Protein backbone atom coordinates (compact mmCIF):
# COMPACT_ATOMS: atom_id res chain seq x y z
CA MET A 1 0.00 0.00 0.00
CA SER A 2 1.31 3.44 -0.89
CA ALA A 3 2.15 6.03 1.75
CA TRP A 4 -0.55 8.28 0.27
CA ILE A 5 -3.25 5.64 0.80
CA GLU A 6 -1.98 5.06 4.34
CA GLN A 7 -2.30 8.80 4.94
CA VAL A 8 -5.88 8.82 3.62
CA PHE A 9 -6.94 6.14 6.11
CA ALA A 10 -4.94 7.74 8.94
CA SER A 11 -6.90 10.99 8.56
CA GLU A 12 -9.24 11.99 11.37
CA MET A 13 -12.32 11.61 9.17
CA ALA A 14 -11.36 8.05 8.21
CA ARG A 15 -10.48 7.08 11.77
CA ARG A 16 -13.88 8.37 12.93
CA GLY A 17 -15.69 6.28 10.31
CA ARG A 18 -16.75 9.26 8.21
CA VAL A 19 -16.65 9.97 4.48
CA VAL A 20 -13.33 10.89 2.85
CA ARG A 21 -13.38 12.68 -0.51
CA ARG A 22 -10.49 12.58 -2.92
CA ARG A 23 -10.19 13.98 -6.44
CA LEU A 24 -9.45 11.46 -9.15
CA SER A 25 -6.48 13.56 -10.25
CA SER A 26 -4.99 13.23 -6.73
CA ILE A 27 -5.61 9.49 -6.65
CA ASP A 28 -3.94 9.11 -10.04
CA ARG A 29 -1.02 11.36 -9.07
CA TYR A 30 -0.16 9.88 -5.69
CA ALA A 31 -1.37 6.26 -5.90
CA SER A 32 -3.72 4.52 -8.31
CA ARG A 33 -7.44 3.94 -8.52
CA GLN A 34 -6.86 0.20 -8.47
CA ALA A 35 -4.74 0.37 -5.32
CA LEU A 36 -7.35 2.48 -3.53
CA LYS A 37 -10.14 0.13 -4.64
CA GLU A 38 -8.20 -2.88 -3.39
CA GLU A 39 -7.57 -1.29 0.02
CA CYS A 40 -11.21 -0.27 0.38
CA LYS A 41 -12.31 -3.78 -0.53
CA ARG A 42 -9.87 -5.25 2.00
CA ARG A 43 -11.32 -2.98 4.69
CA GLY A 44 -14.94 -3.62 3.66
CA TYR A 45 -15.48 0.05 2.72
CA HIS A 46 -17.52 1.46 -0.16
CA ILE A 47 -16.60 3.99 -2.85
CA VAL A 48 -19.08 6.24 -4.64
CA ALA A 49 -17.99 8.18 -7.71
CA HIS A 50 -19.34 11.72 -8.13
CA ARG A 51 -18.06 14.02 -10.87
CA ASP A 52 -14.29 14.24 -10.45
CA GLN A 53 -14.21 12.75 -6.94
CA TRP A 54 -14.44 9.46 -5.16
CA LEU A 55 -16.21 9.39 -1.82
CA VAL A 56 -14.93 6.65 0.46
CA PHE A 57 -17.31 5.59 3.22
CA CYS A 58 -14.94 4.55 5.99
CA ASP A 59 -17.12 2.03 7.73
CA LYS A 60 -18.70 -1.28 6.84
CA GLY A 61 -22.28 0.02 6.87
CA ARG A 62 -24.57 -0.38 3.90
CA VAL A 63 -24.68 2.45 1.36
CA ARG A 64 -27.96 3.27 -0.38
CA ILE A 65 -28.70 5.92 -2.98
CA VAL A 66 -32.00 7.47 -1.85
CA LEU A 67 -32.84 9.78 -4.74
């Protein structure tokens, strides 16, 4: 796992089980989309894509799109 991905999950928002947003350009620059997807899968987290960002839900709860 890259140092950048470690830093993402060491952030206060991630440690508190909140949502972490990252721009795709940052993911591509500092790590890779595949590496982030693999780490989220390993942790049981979900990713939602919105425009130029990925939102990582840093808990194992179910994610539903309401509207």
